[in-house]
PDB file of all heavy atoms in Angstrom:
ATOM      1  N   GLY A   1      -0.153   1.049  -8.188  1.00  0.00           N
ATOM      2  CA  GLY A   1      -0.557   2.372  -8.650  1.00  0.00           C
ATOM      3  C   GLY A   1      -0.935   3.296  -7.512  1.00  0.00           C
ATOM      4  O   GLY A   1      -0.814   2.951  -6.324  1.00  0.00           O
ATOM      5  N   ASN A   2      -1.420   4.477  -7.868  1.00  0.00           N
ATOM      6  CA  ASN A   2      -1.792   5.468  -6.857  1.00  0.00           C
ATOM      7  C   ASN A   2      -2.836   4.944  -5.890  1.00  0.00           C
ATOM      8  O   ASN A   2      -2.747   5.172  -4.682  1.00  0.00           O
ATOM      9  CB  ASN A   2      -2.310   6.734  -7.541  1.00  0.00           C
ATOM     10  CG  ASN A   2      -1.194   7.597  -8.091  1.00  0.00           C
ATOM     11  OD1 ASN A   2      -0.026   7.397  -7.773  1.00  0.00           O
ATOM     12  ND2 ASN A   2      -1.547   8.556  -8.928  1.00  0.00           N
ATOM     13  N   SER A   3      -3.866   4.248  -6.415  1.00  0.00           N
ATOM     14  CA  SER A   3      -4.946   3.758  -5.546  1.00  0.00           C
ATOM     15  C   SER A   3      -4.409   2.822  -4.493  1.00  0.00           C
ATOM     16  O   SER A   3      -4.751   2.921  -3.310  1.00  0.00           O
ATOM     17  CB  SER A   3      -6.022   3.069  -6.378  1.00  0.00           C
ATOM     18  OG  SER A   3      -6.687   3.979  -7.215  1.00  0.00           O
ATOM     19  N   ALA A   4      -3.565   1.877  -4.910  1.00  0.00           N
ATOM     20  CA  ALA A   4      -3.030   0.898  -3.966  1.00  0.00           C
ATOM     21  C   ALA A   4      -2.196   1.572  -2.882  1.00  0.00           C
ATOM     22  O   ALA A   4      -2.345   1.278  -1.682  1.00  0.00           O
ATOM     23  CB  ALA A   4      -2.197  -0.141  -4.711  1.00  0.00           C
ATOM     24  N   VAL A   5      -1.320   2.480  -3.295  1.00  0.00           N
ATOM     25  CA  VAL A   5      -0.438   3.129  -2.318  1.00  0.00           C
ATOM     26  C   VAL A   5      -1.230   4.050  -1.400  1.00  0.00           C
ATOM     27  O   VAL A   5      -1.008   4.084  -0.178  1.00  0.00           O
ATOM     28  CB  VAL A   5       0.684   3.895  -3.046  1.00  0.00           C
ATOM     29  CG1 VAL A   5       1.564   4.637  -2.039  1.00  0.00           C
ATOM     30  CG2 VAL A   5       1.541   2.923  -3.866  1.00  0.00           C
ATOM     31  N   GLU A   6      -2.170   4.804  -1.960  1.00  0.00           N
ATOM     32  CA  GLU A   6      -3.001   5.682  -1.144  1.00  0.00           C
ATOM     33  C   GLU A   6      -3.805   4.884  -0.115  1.00  0.00           C
ATOM     34  O   GLU A   6      -3.908   5.280   1.055  1.00  0.00           O
ATOM     35  CB  GLU A   6      -3.967   6.468  -2.034  1.00  0.00           C
ATOM     36  CG  GLU A   6      -3.312   7.583  -2.812  1.00  0.00           C
ATOM     37  CD  GLU A   6      -4.254   8.219  -3.821  1.00  0.00           C
ATOM     38  OE1 GLU A   6      -5.302   7.613  -4.119  1.00  0.00           O
ATOM     39  OE2 GLU A   6      -3.945   9.310  -4.305  1.00  0.00           O
ATOM     40  N   GLU A   7      -4.347   3.758  -0.540  1.00  0.00           N
ATOM     41  CA  GLU A   7      -5.166   2.965   0.379  1.00  0.00           C
ATOM     42  C   GLU A   7      -4.311   2.258   1.415  1.00  0.00           C
ATOM     43  O   GLU A   7      -4.766   2.017   2.542  1.00  0.00           O
ATOM     44  CB  GLU A   7      -6.022   1.965  -0.401  1.00  0.00           C
ATOM     45  CG  GLU A   7      -7.012   2.609  -1.368  1.00  0.00           C
ATOM     46  CD  GLU A   7      -7.789   3.748  -0.726  1.00  0.00           C
ATOM     47  OE1 GLU A   7      -8.608   3.484   0.170  1.00  0.00           O
ATOM     48  OE2 GLU A   7      -7.577   4.908  -1.127  1.00  0.00           O
ATOM     49  N   ALA A   8      -3.087   1.903   1.072  1.00  0.00           N
ATOM     50  CA  ALA A   8      -2.184   1.336   2.078  1.00  0.00           C
ATOM     51  C   ALA A   8      -1.927   2.359   3.179  1.00  0.00           C
ATOM     52  O   ALA A   8      -1.940   2.025   4.378  1.00  0.00           O
ATOM     53  CB  ALA A   8      -0.872   0.915   1.422  1.00  0.00           C
ATOM     54  N   ILE A   9      -1.701   3.608   2.784  1.00  0.00           N
ATOM     55  CA  ILE A   9      -1.505   4.672   3.769  1.00  0.00           C
ATOM     56  C   ILE A   9      -2.770   4.856   4.602  1.00  0.00           C
ATOM     57  O   ILE A   9      -2.711   4.992   5.834  1.00  0.00           O
ATOM     58  CB  ILE A   9      -1.100   5.983   3.073  1.00  0.00           C
ATOM     59  CG1 ILE A   9       0.260   5.830   2.379  1.00  0.00           C
ATOM     60  CG2 ILE A   9      -1.067   7.136   4.076  1.00  0.00           C
ATOM     61  CD1 ILE A   9       0.627   6.984   1.462  1.00  0.00           C
ATOM     62  N   TYR A  10      -3.920   4.852   3.941  1.00  0.00           N
ATOM     63  CA  TYR A  10      -5.191   5.004   4.647  1.00  0.00           C
ATOM     64  C   TYR A  10      -5.382   3.894   5.684  1.00  0.00           C
ATOM     65  O   TYR A  10      -5.842   4.143   6.809  1.00  0.00           O
ATOM     66  CB  TYR A  10      -6.345   4.987   3.642  1.00  0.00           C
ATOM     67  CG  TYR A  10      -7.717   4.986   4.271  1.00  0.00           C
ATOM     68  CD1 TYR A  10      -8.307   6.171   4.696  1.00  0.00           C
ATOM     69  CD2 TYR A  10      -8.419   3.797   4.447  1.00  0.00           C
ATOM     70  CE1 TYR A  10      -9.561   6.173   5.280  1.00  0.00           C
ATOM     71  CE2 TYR A  10      -9.676   3.787   5.034  1.00  0.00           C
ATOM     72  CZ  TYR A  10     -10.240   4.975   5.447  1.00  0.00           C
ATOM     73  OH  TYR A  10     -11.478   4.966   6.036  1.00  0.00           O
ATOM     74  N   LEU A  11      -5.035   2.669   5.333  1.00  0.00           N
ATOM     75  CA  LEU A  11      -5.263   1.528   6.224  1.00  0.00           C
ATOM     76  C   LEU A  11      -4.411   1.572   7.486  1.00  0.00           C
ATOM     77  O   LEU A  11      -4.727   0.890   8.466  1.00  0.00           O
ATOM     78  CB  LEU A  11      -5.004   0.220   5.465  1.00  0.00           C
ATOM     79  CG  LEU A  11      -6.110  -0.189   4.490  1.00  0.00           C
ATOM     80  CD1 LEU A  11      -5.631  -1.286   3.561  1.00  0.00           C
ATOM     81  CD2 LEU A  11      -7.353  -0.650   5.256  1.00  0.00           C
ATOM     82  N   THR A  12      -3.350   2.371   7.492  1.00  0.00           N
ATOM     83  CA  THR A  12      -2.543   2.473   8.711  1.00  0.00           C
ATOM     84  C   THR A  12      -3.322   3.113   9.852  1.00  0.00           C
ATOM     85  O   THR A  12      -2.907   3.026  11.012  1.00  0.00           O
ATOM     86  CB  THR A  12      -1.251   3.281   8.456  1.00  0.00           C
ATOM     87  OG1 THR A  12      -1.587   4.601   8.012  1.00  0.00           O
ATOM     88  CG2 THR A  12      -0.388   2.600   7.406  1.00  0.00           C
ATOM     89  N   ARG A  13      -4.449   3.730   9.543  1.00  0.00           N
ATOM     90  CA  ARG A  13      -5.300   4.273  10.607  1.00  0.00           C
ATOM     91  C   ARG A  13      -5.892   3.163  11.460  1.00  0.00           C
ATOM     92  O   ARG A  13      -6.270   3.384  12.609  1.00  0.00           O
ATOM     93  CB  ARG A  13      -6.447   5.086  10.002  1.00  0.00           C
ATOM     94  CG  ARG A  13      -6.031   6.224   9.098  1.00  0.00           C
ATOM     95  CD  ARG A  13      -7.253   6.941   8.568  1.00  0.00           C
ATOM     96  NE  ARG A  13      -6.919   7.951   7.574  1.00  0.00           N
ATOM     97  CZ  ARG A  13      -7.806   8.773   7.024  1.00  0.00           C
ATOM     98  NH1 ARG A  13      -9.082   8.699   7.380  1.00  0.00           N
ATOM     99  NH2 ARG A  13      -7.424   9.651   6.122  1.00  0.00           N
ATOM    100  N   TYR A  14      -5.997   1.987  10.876  1.00  0.00           N
ATOM    101  CA  TYR A  14      -6.675   0.883  11.555  1.00  0.00           C
ATOM    102  C   TYR A  14      -5.750  -0.312  11.782  1.00  0.00           C
ATOM    103  O   TYR A  14      -5.689  -0.844  12.887  1.00  0.00           O
ATOM    104  CB  TYR A  14      -7.878   0.417  10.731  1.00  0.00           C
ATOM    105  CG  TYR A  14      -8.835   1.527  10.366  1.00  0.00           C
ATOM    106  CD1 TYR A  14      -8.872   2.052   9.079  1.00  0.00           C
ATOM    107  CD2 TYR A  14      -9.693   2.068  11.327  1.00  0.00           C
ATOM    108  CE1 TYR A  14      -9.748   3.076   8.744  1.00  0.00           C
ATOM    109  CE2 TYR A  14     -10.572   3.090  11.007  1.00  0.00           C
ATOM    110  CZ  TYR A  14     -10.590   3.586   9.711  1.00  0.00           C
ATOM    111  OH  TYR A  14     -11.465   4.602   9.394  1.00  0.00           O
ATOM    112  N   ALA A  15      -5.073  -0.731  10.753  1.00  0.00           N
ATOM    113  CA  ALA A  15      -4.292  -1.962  10.819  1.00  0.00           C
ATOM    114  C   ALA A  15      -2.998  -1.771  11.604  1.00  0.00           C
ATOM    115  O   ALA A  15      -2.417  -0.685  11.636  1.00  0.00           O
ATOM    116  CB  ALA A  15      -3.977  -2.460   9.412  1.00  0.00           C
ATOM    117  N   ARG A  16      -2.550  -2.857  12.200  1.00  0.00           N
ATOM    118  CA  ARG A  16      -1.272  -2.838  12.896  1.00  0.00           C
ATOM    119  C   ARG A  16      -0.111  -2.845  11.899  1.00  0.00           C
ATOM    120  O   ARG A  16       0.871  -2.126  12.059  1.00  0.00           O
ATOM    121  CB  ARG A  16      -1.176  -4.060  13.809  1.00  0.00           C
ATOM    122  CG  ARG A  16       0.125  -4.169  14.576  1.00  0.00           C
ATOM    123  CD  ARG A  16       0.116  -5.376  15.483  1.00  0.00           C
ATOM    124  NE  ARG A  16      -0.099  -6.616  14.715  1.00  0.00           N
ATOM    125  CZ  ARG A  16      -0.238  -7.819  15.261  1.00  0.00           C
ATOM    126  NH1 ARG A  16      -0.225  -7.947  16.585  1.00  0.00           N
ATOM    127  NH2 ARG A  16      -0.414  -8.879  14.509  1.00  0.00           N
ATOM    128  N   LYS A  17      -0.271  -3.651  10.829  1.00  0.00           N
ATOM    129  CA  LYS A  17       0.763  -3.787   9.810  1.00  0.00           C
ATOM    130  C   LYS A  17       0.099  -3.871   8.445  1.00  0.00           C
ATOM    131  O   LYS A  17      -0.916  -4.545   8.276  1.00  0.00           O
ATOM    132  CB  LYS A  17       1.582  -5.053  10.054  1.00  0.00           C
ATOM    133  CG  LYS A  17       2.818  -5.189   9.189  1.00  0.00           C
ATOM    134  CD  LYS A  17       3.963  -4.359   9.747  1.00  0.00           C
ATOM    135  CE  LYS A  17       5.258  -4.634   9.024  1.00  0.00           C
ATOM    136  NZ  LYS A  17       6.369  -3.813   9.578  1.00  0.00           N
ATOM    137  N   VAL A  18       0.664  -3.175   7.466  1.00  0.00           N
ATOM    138  CA  VAL A  18       0.144  -3.204   6.097  1.00  0.00           C
ATOM    139  C   VAL A  18       1.262  -3.637   5.159  1.00  0.00           C
ATOM    140  O   VAL A  18       2.271  -2.932   5.021  1.00  0.00           O
ATOM    141  CB  VAL A  18      -0.390  -1.825   5.656  1.00  0.00           C
ATOM    142  CG1 VAL A  18      -0.916  -1.902   4.225  1.00  0.00           C
ATOM    143  CG2 VAL A  18      -1.482  -1.332   6.605  1.00  0.00           C
ATOM    144  N   TYR A  19       1.080  -4.795   4.546  1.00  0.00           N
ATOM    145  CA  TYR A  19       2.028  -5.270   3.541  1.00  0.00           C
ATOM    146  C   TYR A  19       1.570  -4.758   2.172  1.00  0.00           C
ATOM    147  O   TYR A  19       0.429  -4.991   1.773  1.00  0.00           O
ATOM    148  CB  TYR A  19       2.106  -6.794   3.532  1.00  0.00           C
ATOM    149  CG  TYR A  19       2.631  -7.387   4.816  1.00  0.00           C
ATOM    150  CD1 TYR A  19       1.751  -7.848   5.793  1.00  0.00           C
ATOM    151  CD2 TYR A  19       3.998  -7.476   5.053  1.00  0.00           C
ATOM    152  CE1 TYR A  19       2.225  -8.392   6.982  1.00  0.00           C
ATOM    153  CE2 TYR A  19       4.480  -8.015   6.243  1.00  0.00           C
ATOM    154  CZ  TYR A  19       3.592  -8.471   7.203  1.00  0.00           C
ATOM    155  OH  TYR A  19       4.071  -9.009   8.373  1.00  0.00           O
ATOM    156  N   LEU A  20       2.453  -4.091   1.460  1.00  0.00           N
ATOM    157  CA  LEU A  20       2.135  -3.536   0.151  1.00  0.00           C
ATOM    158  C   LEU A  20       2.826  -4.393  -0.908  1.00  0.00           C
ATOM    159  O   LEU A  20       4.045  -4.327  -1.101  1.00  0.00           O
ATOM    160  CB  LEU A  20       2.594  -2.081   0.074  1.00  0.00           C
ATOM    161  CG  LEU A  20       2.248  -1.286  -1.177  1.00  0.00           C
ATOM    162  CD1 LEU A  20       0.751  -1.354  -1.485  1.00  0.00           C
ATOM    163  CD2 LEU A  20       2.684   0.159  -1.007  1.00  0.00           C
ATOM    164  N   ILE A  21       2.028  -5.217  -1.586  1.00  0.00           N
ATOM    165  CA  ILE A  21       2.552  -6.236  -2.497  1.00  0.00           C
ATOM    166  C   ILE A  21       2.455  -5.747  -3.934  1.00  0.00           C
ATOM    167  O   ILE A  21       1.381  -5.375  -4.406  1.00  0.00           O
ATOM    168  CB  ILE A  21       1.775  -7.555  -2.336  1.00  0.00           C
ATOM    169  CG1 ILE A  21       1.849  -8.042  -0.881  1.00  0.00           C
ATOM    170  CG2 ILE A  21       2.297  -8.625  -3.288  1.00  0.00           C
ATOM    171  CD1 ILE A  21       0.865  -9.151  -0.565  1.00  0.00           C
ATOM    172  N   HIS A  22       3.587  -5.795  -4.640  1.00  0.00           N
ATOM    173  CA  HIS A  22       3.617  -5.336  -6.043  1.00  0.00           C
ATOM    174  C   HIS A  22       4.525  -6.260  -6.848  1.00  0.00           C
ATOM    175  O   HIS A  22       5.599  -6.653  -6.378  1.00  0.00           O
ATOM    176  CB  HIS A  22       4.130  -3.900  -6.112  1.00  0.00           C
ATOM    177  CG  HIS A  22       4.122  -3.320  -7.488  1.00  0.00           C
ATOM    178  ND1 HIS A  22       3.082  -3.491  -8.370  1.00  0.00           N
ATOM    179  CD2 HIS A  22       5.053  -2.563  -8.148  1.00  0.00           C
ATOM    180  CE1 HIS A  22       3.350  -2.862  -9.497  1.00  0.00           C
ATOM    181  NE2 HIS A  22       4.542  -2.291  -9.386  1.00  0.00           N
ATOM    182  N   ARG A  23       4.091  -6.590  -8.051  1.00  0.00           N
ATOM    183  CA  ARG A  23       4.830  -7.572  -8.855  1.00  0.00           C
ATOM    184  C   ARG A  23       6.129  -7.021  -9.446  1.00  0.00           C
ATOM    185  O   ARG A  23       6.981  -7.783  -9.874  1.00  0.00           O
ATOM    186  CB  ARG A  23       3.943  -8.111  -9.974  1.00  0.00           C
ATOM    187  CG  ARG A  23       3.560  -7.108 -11.039  1.00  0.00           C
ATOM    188  CD  ARG A  23       2.739  -7.761 -12.145  1.00  0.00           C
ATOM    189  NE  ARG A  23       3.440  -8.860 -12.748  1.00  0.00           N
ATOM    190  CZ  ARG A  23       3.022 -10.126 -12.757  1.00  0.00           C
ATOM    191  NH1 ARG A  23       1.875 -10.450 -12.193  1.00  0.00           N
ATOM    192  NH2 ARG A  23       3.730 -11.070 -13.334  1.00  0.00           N
ATOM    193  N   ARG A  24       6.299  -5.734  -9.475  1.00  0.00           N
ATOM    194  CA  ARG A  24       7.520  -5.150 -10.035  1.00  0.00           C
ATOM    195  C   ARG A  24       8.434  -4.643  -8.925  1.00  0.00           C
ATOM    196  O   ARG A  24       8.056  -4.628  -7.756  1.00  0.00           O
ATOM    197  CB  ARG A  24       7.158  -4.026 -11.009  1.00  0.00           C
ATOM    198  CG  ARG A  24       6.367  -4.525 -12.206  1.00  0.00           C
ATOM    199  CD  ARG A  24       6.083  -3.396 -13.190  1.00  0.00           C
ATOM    200  NE  ARG A  24       5.417  -3.902 -14.387  1.00  0.00           N
ATOM    201  CZ  ARG A  24       4.098  -4.090 -14.497  1.00  0.00           C
ATOM    202  NH1 ARG A  24       3.308  -3.794 -13.472  1.00  0.00           N
ATOM    203  NH2 ARG A  24       3.569  -4.563 -15.605  1.00  0.00           N
ATOM    204  N   ASP A  25       9.623  -4.188  -9.336  1.00  0.00           N
ATOM    205  CA  ASP A  25      10.579  -3.712  -8.326  1.00  0.00           C
ATOM    206  C   ASP A  25      10.425  -2.232  -8.035  1.00  0.00           C
ATOM    207  O   ASP A  25      11.080  -1.694  -7.146  1.00  0.00           O
ATOM    208  CB  ASP A  25      12.018  -4.018  -8.754  1.00  0.00           C
ATOM    209  CG  ASP A  25      12.393  -3.359 -10.072  1.00  0.00           C
ATOM    210  OD1 ASP A  25      11.487  -2.839 -10.756  1.00  0.00           O
ATOM    211  OD2 ASP A  25      13.597  -3.357 -10.421  1.00  0.00           O
ATOM    212  N   LEU A  26       9.562  -1.563  -8.814  1.00  0.00           N
ATOM    213  CA  LEU A  26       9.279  -0.148  -8.593  1.00  0.00           C
ATOM    214  C   LEU A  26       7.774   0.068  -8.659  1.00  0.00           C
ATOM    215  O   LEU A  26       7.079  -0.567  -9.462  1.00  0.00           O
ATOM    216  CB  LEU A  26       9.958   0.720  -9.660  1.00  0.00           C
ATOM    217  CG  LEU A  26      11.489   0.773  -9.648  1.00  0.00           C
ATOM    218  CD1 LEU A  26      11.982   1.539 -10.867  1.00  0.00           C
ATOM    219  CD2 LEU A  26      12.012   1.404  -8.365  1.00  0.00           C
ATOM    220  N   PHE A  27       7.256   0.965  -7.831  1.00  0.00           N
ATOM    221  CA  PHE A  27       5.834   1.291  -7.846  1.00  0.00           C
ATOM    222  C   PHE A  27       5.529   2.243  -8.996  1.00  0.00           C
ATOM    223  O   PHE A  27       6.357   3.080  -9.371  1.00  0.00           O
ATOM    224  CB  PHE A  27       5.412   1.926  -6.519  1.00  0.00           C
ATOM    225  CG  PHE A  27       5.434   0.982  -5.367  1.00  0.00           C
ATOM    226  CD1 PHE A  27       6.485   0.999  -4.453  1.00  0.00           C
ATOM    227  CD2 PHE A  27       4.410   0.062  -5.187  1.00  0.00           C
ATOM    228  CE1 PHE A  27       6.509   0.126  -3.384  1.00  0.00           C
ATOM    229  CE2 PHE A  27       4.421  -0.812  -4.110  1.00  0.00           C
ATOM    230  CZ  PHE A  27       5.475  -0.794  -3.217  1.00  0.00           C
ATOM    231  N   ARG A  28       4.323   2.127  -9.551  1.00  0.00           N
ATOM    232  CA  ARG A  28       3.873   3.018 -10.610  1.00  0.00           C
ATOM    233  C   ARG A  28       3.281   4.312 -10.059  1.00  0.00           C
ATOM    234  O   ARG A  28       3.058   5.266 -10.793  1.00  0.00           O
ATOM    235  CB  ARG A  28       2.819   2.311 -11.474  1.00  0.00           C
ATOM    236  CG  ARG A  28       3.353   1.152 -12.277  1.00  0.00           C
ATOM    237  CD  ARG A  28       2.253   0.475 -13.074  1.00  0.00           C
ATOM    238  NE  ARG A  28       1.355  -0.292 -12.219  1.00  0.00           N
ATOM    239  CZ  ARG A  28       0.127   0.055 -11.881  1.00  0.00           C
ATOM    240  NH1 ARG A  28      -0.373   1.197 -12.304  1.00  0.00           N
ATOM    241  NH2 ARG A  28      -0.617  -0.717 -11.116  1.00  0.00           N
TER     242      ARG A  28
END
């Protein structure tokens, strides 16, 4: 969802790599 994707983007400020894991083939 929006929270997960937004926070993945936010974490790029700190993390070297961010894996965004989702059980479906398309994001909500």
